[in-house]
Amino acid sequence: MFANLTSMEIRLKMQELGWDSNDQITKGGWINGHVYSIWFERWDWHGRRTLAITGRHVCFCRHTNDVGMIDIVTRLCAEQALKAYEDFPDTIPCMDADGETVKDVILGDWNDPKALVKSS
């Protein structure tokens, strides 16, 4: 879907699909002394407002210290976000510490009424 597109073109296509994006270049402890970061995020997940359910948005990110890789990391991040939207229609996913997409263990499956009711 994003082959041969620039980072900005990918971000515009993602916006059409309901995703917000942010990027930034910061000083970092990486090899070149700088880090490029891209985030794709959304506040609704299959018609449900994530802020009301989890108190946050769904967010995917990638980073690189090689400016020649900006288009590639943007594509990888966008593809991960779209795959999560396809793979997790009944629960809200998140990224784990290894950058993998996983089910949000706190919420669970929202088609299960017990998942939205907290007992004390």
C-alpha atoms as a PDB file:
ATOM      1  CA  MET A   1       0.000   0.000   0.000  1.00  0.00           C
ATOM      2  CA  PHE A   2       2.833   2.407   0.790  1.00  0.00           C
ATOM      3  CA  ALA A   3       5.522   1.209  -1.621  1.00  0.00           C
ATOM      4  CA  ASN A   4       7.635   4.039  -3.026  1.00  0.00           C
ATOM      5  CA  LEU A   5       5.856   6.732  -0.973  1.00  0.00           C
ATOM      6  CA  THR A   6       7.643   9.359   1.079  1.00  0.00           C
ATOM      7  CA  SER A   7       7.086   9.740   4.781  1.00  0.00           C
ATOM      8  CA  MET A   8       4.791  12.719   4.215  1.00  0.00           C
ATOM      9  CA  GLU A   9       2.749  10.884   1.558  1.00  0.00           C
ATOM     10  CA  ILE A  10       2.307   7.950   3.939  1.00  0.00           C
ATOM     11  CA  ARG A  11       1.224  10.271   6.730  1.00  0.00           C
ATOM     12  CA  LEU A  12      -1.369  11.911   4.479  1.00  0.00           C
ATOM     13  CA  LYS A  13      -2.777   8.518   3.433  1.00  0.00           C
ATOM     14  CA  MET A  14      -2.936   7.454   7.060  1.00  0.00           C
ATOM     15  CA  GLN A  15      -4.807  10.657   7.903  1.00  0.00           C
ATOM     16  CA  GLU A  16      -7.402   9.725   5.273  1.00  0.00           C
ATOM     17  CA  LEU A  17      -7.772   6.391   7.115  1.00  0.00           C
ATOM     18  CA  GLY A  18      -8.390   8.073  10.488  1.00  0.00           C
ATOM     19  CA  TRP A  19      -4.882   8.099  11.933  1.00  0.00           C
ATOM     20  CA  ASP A  20      -3.139  11.156  13.360  1.00  0.00           C
ATOM     21  CA  SER A  21       0.639  11.318  13.076  1.00  0.00           C
ATOM     22  CA  ASN A  22       3.471  13.108  14.803  1.00  0.00           C
ATOM     23  CA  ASP A  23       7.174  13.073  14.175  1.00  0.00           C
ATOM     24  CA  GLN A  24      10.193  14.619  15.780  1.00  0.00           C
ATOM     25  CA  ILE A  25      13.947  14.744  15.610  1.00  0.00           C
ATOM     26  CA  THR A  26      15.680  14.931  18.964  1.00  0.00           C
ATOM     27  CA  LYS A  27      19.140  14.718  20.377  1.00  0.00           C
ATOM     28  CA  GLY A  28      19.673  11.256  21.690  1.00  0.00           C
ATOM     29  CA  GLY A  29      22.224   8.876  22.999  1.00  0.00           C
ATOM     30  CA  TRP A  30      22.245   6.933  19.760  1.00  0.00           C
ATOM     31  CA  ILE A  31      25.223   6.648  17.422  1.00  0.00           C
ATOM     32  CA  ASN A  32      24.697   9.863  15.409  1.00  0.00           C
ATOM     33  CA  GLY A  33      23.520  11.927  18.363  1.00  0.00           C
ATOM     34  CA  HIS A  34      20.006  12.328  16.941  1.00  0.00           C
ATOM     35  CA  VAL A  35      16.860  10.237  16.750  1.00  0.00           C
ATOM     36  CA  TYR A  36      13.938  10.481  14.321  1.00  0.00           C
ATOM     37  CA  SER A  37      10.632   9.262  15.771  1.00  0.00           C
ATOM     38  CA  ILE A  38       7.247   8.747  14.115  1.00  0.00           C
ATOM     39  CA  TRP A  39       3.940   8.026  15.850  1.00  0.00           C
ATOM     40  CA  PHE A  40       0.584   7.009  14.388  1.00  0.00           C
ATOM     41  CA  GLU A  41      -2.313   7.284  16.797  1.00  0.00           C
ATOM     42  CA  ARG A  42      -6.081   7.296  16.941  1.00  0.00           C
ATOM     43  CA  TRP A  43      -8.677   8.038  19.596  1.00  0.00           C
ATOM     44  CA  ASP A  44     -11.357   5.713  18.235  1.00  0.00           C
ATOM     45  CA  TRP A  45     -11.093   1.986  17.687  1.00  0.00           C
ATOM     46  CA  HIS A  46     -13.771   0.387  15.525  1.00  0.00           C
ATOM     47  CA  GLY A  47     -16.318   3.004  16.565  1.00  0.00           C
ATOM     48  CA  ARG A  48     -15.406   3.067  20.250  1.00  0.00           C
ATOM     49  CA  ARG A  49     -13.784   6.064  21.934  1.00  0.00           C
ATOM     50  CA  THR A  50     -10.544   4.777  23.425  1.00  0.00           C
ATOM     51  CA  LEU A  51     -10.232   7.695  25.829  1.00  0.00           C
ATOM     52  CA  ALA A  52     -13.512   6.705  27.497  1.00  0.00           C
ATOM     53  CA  ILE A  53     -12.482   3.039  27.685  1.00  0.00           C
ATOM     54  CA  THR A  54      -8.777   3.115  28.538  1.00  0.00           C
ATOM     55  CA  GLY A  55      -8.012   6.758  29.290  1.00  0.00           C
ATOM     56  CA  ARG A  56      -5.597   6.951  26.347  1.00  0.00           C
ATOM     57  CA  HIS A  57      -5.297   6.617  22.608  1.00  0.00           C
ATOM     58  CA  VAL A  58      -3.956   3.751  20.509  1.00  0.00           C
ATOM     59  CA  CYS A  59      -0.421   4.564  19.416  1.00  0.00           C
ATOM     60  CA  PHE A  60       2.305   2.921  17.347  1.00  0.00           C
ATOM     61  CA  CYS A  61       5.824   4.310  17.002  1.00  0.00           C
ATOM     62  CA  ARG A  62       9.164   3.676  15.337  1.00  0.00           C
ATOM     63  CA  HIS A  63      12.572   5.305  15.703  1.00  0.00           C
ATOM     64  CA  THR A  64      15.818   5.532  13.756  1.00  0.00           C
ATOM     65  CA  ASN A  65      19.086   7.415  13.938  1.00  0.00           C
ATOM     66  CA  ASP A  66      19.587   7.125  10.147  1.00  0.00           C
ATOM     67  CA  VAL A  67      17.848   9.966   8.277  1.00  0.00           C
ATOM     68  CA  GLY A  68      17.994   7.840   5.132  1.00  0.00           C
ATOM     69  CA  MET A  69      15.584   5.422   6.834  1.00  0.00           C
ATOM     70  CA  ILE A  70      12.807   7.938   7.620  1.00  0.00           C
ATOM     71  CA  ASP A  71      10.546   6.790   4.773  1.00  0.00           C
ATOM     72  CA  ILE A  72      11.112   3.136   5.681  1.00  0.00           C
ATOM     73  CA  VAL A  73      10.397   3.478   9.410  1.00  0.00           C
ATOM     74  CA  THR A  74       7.320   5.562   8.595  1.00  0.00           C
ATOM     75  CA  ARG A  75       6.093   2.801   6.263  1.00  0.00           C
ATOM     76  CA  LEU A  76       6.791   0.087   8.850  1.00  0.00           C
ATOM     77  CA  CYS A  77       4.976   2.006  11.562  1.00  0.00           C
ATOM     78  CA  ALA A  78       1.967   2.698   9.317  1.00  0.00           C
ATOM     79  CA  GLU A  79       1.777  -0.948   8.263  1.00  0.00           C
ATOM     80  CA  GLN A  80       1.890  -2.082  11.899  1.00  0.00           C
ATOM     81  CA  ALA A  81      -0.907   0.333  12.819  1.00  0.00           C
ATOM     82  CA  LEU A  82      -3.136  -0.803   9.942  1.00  0.00           C
ATOM     83  CA  LYS A  83      -2.476  -4.476  10.671  1.00  0.00           C
ATOM     84  CA  ALA A  84      -3.434  -3.918  14.320  1.00  0.00           C
ATOM     85  CA  TYR A  85      -6.675  -2.255  13.240  1.00  0.00           C
ATOM     86  CA  GLU A  86      -7.465  -5.309  11.123  1.00  0.00           C
ATOM     87  CA  ASP A  87      -6.300  -7.925  13.648  1.00  0.00           C
ATOM     88  CA  PHE A  88      -7.906  -6.470  16.798  1.00  0.00           C
ATOM     89  CA  PRO A  89     -11.548  -5.579  16.020  1.00  0.00           C
ATOM     90  CA  ASP A  90     -12.817  -6.611  19.479  1.00  0.00           C
ATOM     91  CA  THR A  91     -10.215  -5.163  21.805  1.00  0.00           C
ATOM     92  CA  ILE A  92      -7.723  -2.336  21.975  1.00  0.00           C
ATOM     93  CA  PRO A  93      -4.118  -3.296  21.235  1.00  0.00           C
ATOM     94  CA  CYS A  94      -0.895  -1.706  22.373  1.00  0.00           C
ATOM     95  CA  MET A  95       2.805  -2.081  21.704  1.00  0.00           C
ATOM     96  CA  ASP A  96       4.822  -4.134  24.157  1.00  0.00           C
ATOM     97  CA  ALA A  97       8.397  -3.372  25.215  1.00  0.00           C
ATOM     98  CA  ASP A  98       9.716  -5.247  22.173  1.00  0.00           C
ATOM     99  CA  GLY A  99       7.610  -3.198  19.735  1.00  0.00           C
ATOM    100  CA  GLU A 100       5.182  -6.046  19.055  1.00  0.00           C
ATOM    101  CA  THR A 101       1.430  -5.477  18.807  1.00  0.00           C
ATOM    102  CA  VAL A 102      -0.393  -7.198  21.667  1.00  0.00           C
ATOM    103  CA  LYS A 103      -3.859  -7.208  23.192  1.00  0.00           C
ATOM    104  CA  ASP A 104      -4.316  -4.678  25.984  1.00  0.00           C
ATOM    105  CA  VAL A 105      -4.368  -7.049  28.957  1.00  0.00           C
ATOM    106  CA  ILE A 106      -6.120  -4.570  31.224  1.00  0.00           C
ATOM    107  CA  LEU A 107      -9.174  -4.209  28.991  1.00  0.00           C
ATOM    108  CA  GLY A 108      -9.632  -7.611  27.407  1.00  0.00           C
ATOM    109  CA  ASP A 109     -12.360  -8.353  24.862  1.00  0.00           C
ATOM    110  CA  TRP A 110     -15.058  -5.667  24.918  1.00  0.00           C
ATOM    111  CA  ASN A 111     -17.658  -8.069  23.528  1.00  0.00           C
ATOM    112  CA  ASP A 112     -17.446  -9.819  26.893  1.00  0.00           C
ATOM    113  CA  PRO A 113     -19.621  -7.725  29.266  1.00  0.00           C
ATOM    114  CA  LYS A 114     -17.363  -8.694  32.183  1.00  0.00           C
ATOM    115  CA  ALA A 115     -14.433  -6.985  30.465  1.00  0.00           C
ATOM    116  CA  LEU A 116     -16.034  -3.554  30.888  1.00  0.00           C
ATOM    117  CA  VAL A 117     -17.243  -4.098  34.457  1.00  0.00           C
ATOM    118  CA  LYS A 118     -14.670  -3.825  37.221  1.00  0.00           C
ATOM    119  CA  SER A 119     -15.492  -5.540  40.480  1.00  0.00           C
ATOM    120  CA  SER A 120     -14.031  -4.276  43.726  1.00  0.00           C
END
